[in-house]
PDB file of N, CA and C in Angstrom:
ATOM      1  N   GLY A   1     -20.417  20.848  -1.582  1.00  0.00           N
ATOM      2  CA  GLY A   1     -19.551  19.827  -1.065  1.00  0.00           C
ATOM      3  C   GLY A   1     -18.197  19.840  -1.759  1.00  0.00           C
ATOM      4  N   ILE A   2     -17.392  18.953  -1.363  1.00  0.00           N
ATOM      5  CA  ILE A   2     -16.050  18.806  -1.918  1.00  0.00           C
ATOM      6  C   ILE A   2     -16.130  17.906  -3.145  1.00  0.00           C
ATOM      7  N   PRO A   3     -15.574  18.351  -4.277  1.00  0.00           N
ATOM      8  CA  PRO A   3     -15.629  17.502  -5.472  1.00  0.00           C
ATOM      9  C   PRO A   3     -14.767  16.256  -5.311  1.00  0.00           C
ATOM     10  N   THR A   4     -15.155  15.217  -6.006  1.00  0.00           N
ATOM     11  CA  THR A   4     -14.382  13.975  -5.977  1.00  0.00           C
ATOM     12  C   THR A   4     -13.090  14.142  -6.763  1.00  0.00           C
ATOM     13  N   MET A   5     -12.158  13.224  -6.540  1.00  0.00           N
ATOM     14  CA  MET A   5     -10.920  13.254  -7.325  1.00  0.00           C
ATOM     15  C   MET A   5     -11.227  13.078  -8.805  1.00  0.00           C
ATOM     16  N   ALA A   6     -12.154  12.192  -9.120  1.00  0.00           N
ATOM     17  CA  ALA A   6     -12.485  11.932 -10.520  1.00  0.00           C
ATOM     18  C   ALA A   6     -13.032  13.182 -11.205  1.00  0.00           C
ATOM     19  N   ALA A   7     -13.718  14.039 -10.440  1.00  0.00           N
ATOM     20  CA  ALA A   7     -14.268  15.268 -11.007  1.00  0.00           C
ATOM     21  C   ALA A   7     -13.196  16.322 -11.242  1.00  0.00           C
ATOM     22  N   THR A   8     -12.124  16.272 -10.496  1.00  0.00           N
ATOM     23  CA  THR A   8     -11.086  17.298 -10.607  1.00  0.00           C
ATOM     24  C   THR A   8      -9.838  16.829 -11.348  1.00  0.00           C
ATOM     25  N   VAL A   9      -9.601  15.529 -11.384  1.00  0.00           N
ATOM     26  CA  VAL A   9      -8.444  14.969 -12.090  1.00  0.00           C
ATOM     27  C   VAL A   9      -8.971  13.861 -13.010  1.00  0.00           C
ATOM     28  N   PRO A  10      -9.342  14.217 -14.239  1.00  0.00           N
ATOM     29  CA  PRO A  10      -9.935  13.227 -15.147  1.00  0.00           C
ATOM     30  C   PRO A  10      -9.054  11.987 -15.314  1.00  0.00           C
ATOM     31  N   GLY A  11      -9.699  10.828 -15.259  1.00  0.00           N
ATOM     32  CA  GLY A  11      -8.999   9.567 -15.465  1.00  0.00           C
ATOM     33  C   GLY A  11      -8.293   9.011 -14.248  1.00  0.00           C
ATOM     34  N   VAL A  12      -8.327   9.726 -13.131  1.00  0.00           N
ATOM     35  CA  VAL A  12      -7.629   9.246 -11.939  1.00  0.00           C
ATOM     36  C   VAL A  12      -8.382   8.065 -11.323  1.00  0.00           C
ATOM     37  N   THR A  13      -7.641   7.113 -10.852  1.00  0.00           N
ATOM     38  CA  THR A  13      -8.188   6.005 -10.077  1.00  0.00           C
ATOM     39  C   THR A  13      -7.298   5.835  -8.857  1.00  0.00           C
ATOM     40  N   GLY A  14      -7.801   5.163  -7.868  1.00  0.00           N
ATOM     41  CA  GLY A  14      -6.997   4.962  -6.671  1.00  0.00           C
ATOM     42  C   GLY A  14      -7.456   3.743  -5.908  1.00  0.00           C
ATOM     43  N   SER A  15      -6.611   3.301  -5.027  1.00  0.00           N
ATOM     44  CA  SER A  15      -6.951   2.180  -4.159  1.00  0.00           C
ATOM     45  C   SER A  15      -6.263   2.397  -2.823  1.00  0.00           C
ATOM     46  N   LEU A  16      -6.798   1.763  -1.821  1.00  0.00           N
ATOM     47  CA  LEU A  16      -6.233   1.835  -0.480  1.00  0.00           C
ATOM     48  C   LEU A  16      -5.439   0.566  -0.243  1.00  0.00           C
ATOM     49  N   TRP A  17      -4.259   0.695   0.330  1.00  0.00           N
ATOM     50  CA  TRP A  17      -3.444  -0.477   0.634  1.00  0.00           C
ATOM     51  C   TRP A  17      -2.738  -0.265   1.954  1.00  0.00           C
ATOM     52  N   TYR A  18      -2.378  -1.361   2.562  1.00  0.00           N
ATOM     53  CA  TYR A  18      -1.647  -1.356   3.823  1.00  0.00           C
ATOM     54  C   TYR A  18      -0.367  -2.156   3.633  1.00  0.00           C
ATOM     55  N   GLY A  19       0.630  -1.815   4.385  1.00  0.00           N
ATOM     56  CA  GLY A  19       1.869  -2.583   4.349  1.00  0.00           C
ATOM     57  C   GLY A  19       2.680  -2.321   5.599  1.00  0.00           C
ATOM     58  N   LEU A  20       3.634  -3.156   5.821  1.00  0.00           N
ATOM     59  CA  LEU A  20       4.524  -3.028   6.972  1.00  0.00           C
ATOM     60  C   LEU A  20       5.894  -2.619   6.465  1.00  0.00           C
ATOM     61  N   VAL A  21       6.435  -1.551   7.038  1.00  0.00           N
ATOM     62  CA  VAL A  21       7.774  -1.092   6.671  1.00  0.00           C
ATOM     63  C   VAL A  21       8.622  -0.991   7.929  1.00  0.00           C
ATOM     64  N   GLY A  22       9.908  -1.036   7.734  1.00  0.00           N
ATOM     65  CA  GLY A  22      10.849  -0.899   8.838  1.00  0.00           C
ATOM     66  C   GLY A  22      11.828   0.211   8.534  1.00  0.00           C
ATOM     67  N   PRO A  23      12.694   0.505   9.468  1.00  0.00           N
ATOM     68  CA  PRO A  23      13.660   1.583   9.257  1.00  0.00           C
ATOM     69  C   PRO A  23      14.700   1.210   8.200  1.00  0.00           C
ATOM     70  N   ALA A  24      15.267   2.228   7.581  1.00  0.00           N
ATOM     71  CA  ALA A  24      16.354   1.998   6.625  1.00  0.00           C
ATOM     72  C   ALA A  24      17.478   1.255   7.328  1.00  0.00           C
ATOM     73  N   GLY A  25      18.086   0.324   6.629  1.00  0.00           N
ATOM     74  CA  GLY A  25      19.201  -0.423   7.198  1.00  0.00           C
ATOM     75  C   GLY A  25      18.799  -1.591   8.077  1.00  0.00           C
ATOM     76  N   LEU A  26      17.511  -1.917   8.118  1.00  0.00           N
ATOM     77  CA  LEU A  26      17.061  -3.067   8.909  1.00  0.00           C
ATOM     78  C   LEU A  26      17.770  -4.314   8.385  1.00  0.00           C
ATOM     79  N   PRO A  27      18.360  -5.109   9.260  1.00  0.00           N
ATOM     80  CA  PRO A  27      19.070  -6.306   8.790  1.00  0.00           C
ATOM     81  C   PRO A  27      18.163  -7.220   7.954  1.00  0.00           C
ATOM     82  N   ALA A  28      18.729  -7.769   6.895  1.00  0.00           N
ATOM     83  CA  ALA A  28      17.975  -8.614   5.963  1.00  0.00           C
ATOM     84  C   ALA A  28      17.318  -9.797   6.657  1.00  0.00           C
ATOM     85  N   GLU A  29      17.979 -10.362   7.667  1.00  0.00           N
ATOM     86  CA  GLU A  29      17.385 -11.527   8.339  1.00  0.00           C
ATOM     87  C   GLU A  29      16.124 -11.145   9.112  1.00  0.00           C
ATOM     88  N   ILE A  30      16.067  -9.938   9.650  1.00  0.00           N
ATOM     89  CA  ILE A  30      14.857  -9.483  10.348  1.00  0.00           C
ATOM     90  C   ILE A  30      13.748  -9.232   9.334  1.00  0.00           C
ATOM     91  N   THR A  31      14.094  -8.594   8.227  1.00  0.00           N
ATOM     92  CA  THR A  31      13.117  -8.363   7.165  1.00  0.00           C
ATOM     93  C   THR A  31      12.545  -9.685   6.671  1.00  0.00           C
ATOM     94  N   ALA A  32      13.401 -10.664   6.430  1.00  0.00           N
ATOM     95  CA  ALA A  32      12.955 -11.966   5.923  1.00  0.00           C
ATOM     96  C   ALA A  32      12.050 -12.672   6.922  1.00  0.00           C
ATOM     97  N   LYS A  33      12.401 -12.611   8.201  1.00  0.00           N
ATOM     98  CA  LYS A  33      11.598 -13.274   9.230  1.00  0.00           C
ATOM     99  C   LYS A  33      10.221 -12.620   9.350  1.00  0.00           C
ATOM    100  N   ALA A  34      10.180 -11.294   9.370  1.00  0.00           N
ATOM    101  CA  ALA A  34       8.899 -10.588   9.452  1.00  0.00           C
ATOM    102  C   ALA A  34       8.067 -10.853   8.204  1.00  0.00           C
ATOM    103  N   ASN A  35       8.700 -10.832   7.039  1.00  0.00           N
ATOM    104  CA  ASN A  35       7.994 -11.084   5.794  1.00  0.00           C
ATOM    105  C   ASN A  35       7.379 -12.474   5.777  1.00  0.00           C
ATOM    106  N   ALA A  36       8.133 -13.468   6.210  1.00  0.00           N
ATOM    107  CA  ALA A  36       7.616 -14.843   6.253  1.00  0.00           C
ATOM    108  C   ALA A  36       6.428 -14.945   7.199  1.00  0.00           C
ATOM    109  N   ALA A  37       6.527 -14.297   8.354  1.00  0.00           N
ATOM    110  CA  ALA A  37       5.431 -14.345   9.332  1.00  0.00           C
ATOM    111  C   ALA A  37       4.167 -13.702   8.766  1.00  0.00           C
ATOM    112  N   PHE A  38       4.301 -12.542   8.159  1.00  0.00           N
ATOM    113  CA  PHE A  38       3.118 -11.871   7.623  1.00  0.00           C
ATOM    114  C   PHE A  38       2.552 -12.597   6.413  1.00  0.00           C
ATOM    115  N   ASN A  39       3.393 -13.183   5.576  1.00  0.00           N
ATOM    116  CA  ASN A  39       2.876 -13.971   4.461  1.00  0.00           C
ATOM    117  C   ASN A  39       2.103 -15.183   4.965  1.00  0.00           C
ATOM    118  N   THR A  40       2.571 -15.793   6.052  1.00  0.00           N
ATOM    119  CA  THR A  40       1.859 -16.924   6.652  1.00  0.00           C
ATOM    120  C   THR A  40       0.492 -16.478   7.159  1.00  0.00           C
ATOM    121  N   ILE A  41       0.460 -15.343   7.833  1.00  0.00           N
ATOM    122  CA  ILE A  41      -0.807 -14.810   8.352  1.00  0.00           C
ATOM    123  C   ILE A  41      -1.760 -14.499   7.205  1.00  0.00           C
ATOM    124  N   LEU A  42      -1.259 -13.845   6.170  1.00  0.00           N
ATOM    125  CA  LEU A  42      -2.114 -13.438   5.055  1.00  0.00           C
ATOM    126  C   LEU A  42      -2.569 -14.607   4.188  1.00  0.00           C
ATOM    127  N   ALA A  43      -2.020 -15.787   4.409  1.00  0.00           N
ATOM    128  CA  ALA A  43      -2.441 -16.980   3.672  1.00  0.00           C
ATOM    129  C   ALA A  43      -3.529 -17.758   4.407  1.00  0.00           C
ATOM    130  N   GLN A  44      -3.860 -17.351   5.631  1.00  0.00           N
ATOM    131  CA  GLN A  44      -4.861 -18.072   6.415  1.00  0.00           C
ATOM    132  C   GLN A  44      -6.263 -17.708   5.923  1.00  0.00           C
ATOM    133  N   PRO A  45      -7.064 -18.698   5.560  1.00  0.00           N
ATOM    134  CA  PRO A  45      -8.392 -18.427   5.013  1.00  0.00           C
ATOM    135  C   PRO A  45      -9.269 -17.551   5.906  1.00  0.00           C
ATOM    136  N   ASP A  46      -9.213 -17.736   7.222  1.00  0.00           N
ATOM    137  CA  ASP A  46     -10.053 -16.910   8.093  1.00  0.00           C
ATOM    138  C   ASP A  46      -9.612 -15.450   8.077  1.00  0.00           C
ATOM    139  N   ILE A  47      -8.333 -15.198   7.963  1.00  0.00           N
ATOM    140  CA  ILE A  47      -7.826 -13.825   7.870  1.00  0.00           C
ATOM    141  C   ILE A  47      -8.252 -13.209   6.539  1.00  0.00           C
ATOM    142  N   VAL A  48      -8.080 -13.964   5.468  1.00  0.00           N
ATOM    143  CA  VAL A  48      -8.475 -13.494   4.138  1.00  0.00           C
ATOM    144  C   VAL A  48      -9.953 -13.124   4.133  1.00  0.00           C
ATOM    145  N   GLU A  49     -10.796 -13.983   4.692  1.00  0.00           N
ATOM    146  CA  GLU A  49     -12.237 -13.744   4.711  1.00  0.00           C
ATOM    147  C   GLU A  49     -12.595 -12.551   5.594  1.00  0.00           C
ATOM    148  N   THR A  50     -11.966 -12.430   6.745  1.00  0.00           N
ATOM    149  CA  THR A  50     -12.240 -11.298   7.635  1.00  0.00           C
ATOM    150  C   THR A  50     -11.878  -9.979   6.956  1.00  0.00           C
ATOM    151  N   LEU A  51     -10.726  -9.921   6.332  1.00  0.00           N
ATOM    152  CA  LEU A  51     -10.327  -8.696   5.629  1.00  0.00           C
ATOM    153  C   LEU A  51     -11.305  -8.370   4.504  1.00  0.00           C
ATOM    154  N   ARG A  52     -11.720  -9.379   3.770  1.00  0.00           N
ATOM    155  CA  ARG A  52     -12.671  -9.164   2.678  1.00  0.00           C
ATOM    156  C   ARG A  52     -14.010  -8.665   3.197  1.00  0.00           C
ATOM    157  N   ARG A  53     -14.522  -9.331   4.226  1.00  0.00           N
ATOM    158  CA  ARG A  53     -15.843  -9.018   4.760  1.00  0.00           C
ATOM    159  C   ARG A  53     -15.873  -7.666   5.474  1.00  0.00           C
ATOM    160  N   GLN A  54     -14.886  -7.398   6.312  1.00  0.00           N
ATOM    161  CA  GLN A  54     -14.920  -6.193   7.132  1.00  0.00           C
ATOM    162  C   GLN A  54     -14.396  -4.947   6.420  1.00  0.00           C
ATOM    163  N   GLN A  55     -13.478  -5.128   5.476  1.00  0.00           N
ATOM    164  CA  GLN A  55     -12.865  -3.961   4.843  1.00  0.00           C
ATOM    165  C   GLN A  55     -12.964  -3.963   3.324  1.00  0.00           C
ATOM    166  N   GLY A  56     -13.482  -5.041   2.751  1.00  0.00           N
ATOM    167  CA  GLY A  56     -13.497  -5.149   1.299  1.00  0.00           C
ATOM    168  C   GLY A  56     -12.092  -5.275   0.736  1.00  0.00           C
ATOM    169  N   ALA A  57     -11.171  -5.747   1.566  1.00  0.00           N
ATOM    170  CA  ALA A  57      -9.758  -5.814   1.200  1.00  0.00           C
ATOM    171  C   ALA A  57      -9.394  -7.173   0.626  1.00  0.00           C
ATOM    172  N   VAL A  58      -8.433  -7.152  -0.266  1.00  0.00           N
ATOM    173  CA  VAL A  58      -7.859  -8.374  -0.813  1.00  0.00           C
ATOM    174  C   VAL A  58      -6.507  -8.567  -0.144  1.00  0.00           C
ATOM    175  N   ALA A  59      -6.364  -9.658   0.608  1.00  0.00           N
ATOM    176  CA  ALA A  59      -5.104  -9.933   1.307  1.00  0.00           C
ATOM    177  C   ALA A  59      -4.058 -10.374   0.296  1.00  0.00           C
ATOM    178  N   MET A  60      -2.932  -9.676   0.297  1.00  0.00           N
ATOM    179  CA  MET A  60      -1.856 -10.006  -0.635  1.00  0.00           C
ATOM    180  C   MET A  60      -0.531  -9.968   0.106  1.00  0.00           C
ATOM    181  N   GLY A  61       0.165 -11.047   0.080  1.00  0.00           N
ATOM    182  CA  GLY A  61       1.517 -11.066   0.615  1.00  0.00           C
ATOM    183  C   GLY A  61       2.490 -10.990  -0.546  1.00  0.00           C
ATOM    184  N   GLY A  62       3.727 -11.282  -0.266  1.00  0.00           N
ATOM    185  CA  GLY A  62       4.726 -11.288  -1.321  1.00  0.00           C
ATOM    186  C   GLY A  62       6.080 -10.898  -0.780  1.00  0.00           C
ATOM    187  N   PRO A  63       7.056 -10.844  -1.649  1.00  0.00           N
ATOM    188  CA  PRO A  63       8.414 -10.510  -1.208  1.00  0.00           C
ATOM    189  C   PRO A  63       8.565  -9.009  -0.944  1.00  0.00           C
ATOM    190  N   PRO A  64       9.499  -8.642  -0.077  1.00  0.00           N
ATOM    191  CA  PRO A  64       9.727  -7.222   0.221  1.00  0.00           C
ATOM    192  C   PRO A  64      10.034  -6.400  -1.035  1.00  0.00           C
ATOM    193  N   GLU A  65      10.720  -6.992  -1.987  1.00  0.00           N
ATOM    194  CA  GLU A  65      11.075  -6.262  -3.205  1.00  0.00           C
ATOM    195  C   GLU A  65       9.831  -5.847  -3.998  1.00  0.00           C
ATOM    196  N   ALA A  66       8.815  -6.700  -4.010  1.00  0.00           N
ATOM    197  CA  ALA A  66       7.578  -6.364  -4.715  1.00  0.00           C
ATOM    198  C   ALA A  66       6.860  -5.215  -4.022  1.00  0.00           C
ATOM    199  N   PHE A  67       6.865  -5.217  -2.692  1.00  0.00           N
ATOM    200  CA  PHE A  67       6.227  -4.127  -1.956  1.00  0.00           C
ATOM    201  C   PHE A  67       6.996  -2.827  -2.163  1.00  0.00           C
ATOM    202  N   ALA A  68       8.320  -2.890  -2.148  1.00  0.00           N
ATOM    203  CA  ALA A  68       9.135  -1.696  -2.400  1.00  0.00           C
ATOM    204  C   ALA A  68       8.842  -1.132  -3.790  1.00  0.00           C
ATOM    205  N   ALA A  69       8.688  -2.006  -4.775  1.00  0.00           N
ATOM    206  CA  ALA A  69       8.367  -1.562  -6.132  1.00  0.00           C
ATOM    207  C   ALA A  69       6.986  -0.920  -6.174  1.00  0.00           C
ATOM    208  N   HIS A  70       6.037  -1.483  -5.420  1.00  0.00           N
ATOM    209  CA  HIS A  70       4.688  -0.906  -5.360  1.00  0.00           C
ATOM    210  C   HIS A  70       4.736   0.494  -4.757  1.00  0.00           C
ATOM    211  N   ILE A  71       5.452   0.649  -3.658  1.00  0.00           N
ATOM    212  CA  ILE A  71       5.573   1.963  -3.020  1.00  0.00           C
ATOM    213  C   ILE A  71       6.202   2.963  -3.993  1.00  0.00           C
ATOM    214  N   GLN A  72       7.265   2.562  -4.672  1.00  0.00           N
ATOM    215  CA  GLN A  72       7.915   3.463  -5.631  1.00  0.00           C
ATOM    216  C   GLN A  72       6.956   3.847  -6.751  1.00  0.00           C
ATOM    217  N   GLY A  73       6.182   2.877  -7.224  1.00  0.00           N
ATOM    218  CA  GLY A  73       5.196   3.163  -8.260  1.00  0.00           C
ATOM    219  C   GLY A  73       4.148   4.161  -7.801  1.00  0.00           C
ATOM    220  N   GLU A  74       3.694   4.022  -6.568  1.00  0.00           N
ATOM    221  CA  GLU A  74       2.721   4.965  -6.018  1.00  0.00           C
ATOM    222  C   GLU A  74       3.326   6.365  -5.894  1.00  0.00           C
ATOM    223  N   MET A  75       4.578   6.434  -5.473  1.00  0.00           N
ATOM    224  CA  MET A  75       5.246   7.733  -5.376  1.00  0.00           C
ATOM    225  C   MET A  75       5.383   8.368  -6.759  1.00  0.00           C
ATOM    226  N   ASP A  76       5.774   7.567  -7.743  1.00  0.00           N
ATOM    227  CA  ASP A  76       5.912   8.070  -9.109  1.00  0.00           C
ATOM    228  C   ASP A  76       4.572   8.563  -9.650  1.00  0.00           C
ATOM    229  N   ARG A  77       3.516   7.886  -9.273  1.00  0.00           N
ATOM    230  CA  ARG A  77       2.179   8.227  -9.758  1.00  0.00           C
ATOM    231  C   ARG A  77       1.628   9.482  -9.104  1.00  0.00           C
ATOM    232  N   TRP A  78       1.743   9.573  -7.778  1.00  0.00           N
ATOM    233  CA  TRP A  78       1.081  10.646  -7.041  1.00  0.00           C
ATOM    234  C   TRP A  78       1.900  11.916  -6.886  1.00  0.00           C
ATOM    235  N   THR A  79       3.223  11.830  -6.929  1.00  0.00           N
ATOM    236  CA  THR A  79       4.047  13.032  -6.733  1.00  0.00           C
ATOM    237  C   THR A  79       3.707  14.145  -7.725  1.00  0.00           C
ATOM    238  N   PRO A  80       3.584  13.871  -9.022  1.00  0.00           N
ATOM    239  CA  PRO A  80       3.241  14.968  -9.943  1.00  0.00           C
ATOM    240  C   PRO A  80       1.868  15.587  -9.660  1.00  0.00           C
ATOM    241  N   ILE A  81       0.915  14.763  -9.259  1.00  0.00           N
ATOM    242  CA  ILE A  81      -0.426  15.268  -8.948  1.00  0.00           C
ATOM    243  C   ILE A  81      -0.368  16.157  -7.713  1.00  0.00           C
ATOM    244  N   ILE A  82       0.336  15.712  -6.692  1.00  0.00           N
ATOM    245  CA  ILE A  82       0.466  16.486  -5.456  1.00  0.00           C
ATOM    246  C   ILE A  82       1.162  17.814  -5.734  1.00  0.00           C
ATOM    247  N   ARG A  83       2.230  17.774  -6.501  1.00  0.00           N
ATOM    248  CA  ARG A  83       2.963  19.011  -6.830  1.00  0.00           C
ATOM    249  C   ARG A  83       2.106  19.956  -7.669  1.00  0.00           C
ATOM    250  N   ALA A  84       1.408  19.425  -8.666  1.00  0.00           N
ATOM    251  CA  ALA A  84       0.568  20.262  -9.528  1.00  0.00           C
ATOM    252  C   ALA A  84      -0.549  20.931  -8.738  1.00  0.00           C
ATOM    253  N   ALA A  85      -1.040  20.237  -7.718  1.00  0.00           N
ATOM    254  CA  ALA A  85      -2.116  20.784  -6.891  1.00  0.00           C
ATOM    255  C   ALA A  85      -1.590  21.709  -5.798  1.00  0.00           C
ATOM    256  N   GLY A  86      -0.277  21.763  -5.628  1.00  0.00           N
ATOM    257  CA  GLY A  86       0.297  22.616  -4.585  1.00  0.00           C
ATOM    258  C   GLY A  86       0.038  22.115  -3.179  1.00  0.00           C
ATOM    259  N   ILE A  87      -0.157  20.822  -3.038  1.00  0.00           N
ATOM    260  CA  ILE A  87      -0.444  20.242  -1.720  1.00  0.00           C
ATOM    261  C   ILE A  87       0.840  20.198  -0.903  1.00  0.00           C
ATOM    262  N   ARG A  88       0.737  20.603   0.340  1.00  0.00           N
ATOM    263  CA  ARG A  88       1.882  20.610   1.252  1.00  0.00           C
ATOM    264  C   ARG A  88       1.482  19.969   2.572  1.00  0.00           C
ATOM    265  N   ALA A  89       2.422  19.271   3.188  1.00  0.00           N
ATOM    266  CA  ALA A  89       2.183  18.712   4.524  1.00  0.00           C
ATOM    267  C   ALA A  89       2.070  19.860   5.516  1.00  0.00           C
ATOM    268  N   GLN A  90       1.179  19.701   6.468  1.00  0.00           N
ATOM    269  CA  GLN A  90       1.004  20.736   7.498  1.00  0.00           C
ATOM    270  C   GLN A  90       1.221  20.146   8.861  1.00  0.00           C
TER     271      GLN A  90
END
């Protein structure tokens, strides 16, 4: 079989996350409106419970800047691993 990441990259951990992104240059008022709407949705107890039950997910909203920082952190974390492994998009 295929070895796990933990077997091939000692100490590696990972998590799955979802987010909504828009095109570069999206007007700030559109970003703010979409962010407010999704934060409202993610604060609803039935949505939180459904995500937890069906996907084992933790619903987390927040400001766009925090999500941008998370994405940058993931890129900083995974880019060296991807390059070292010689992985290329096909």
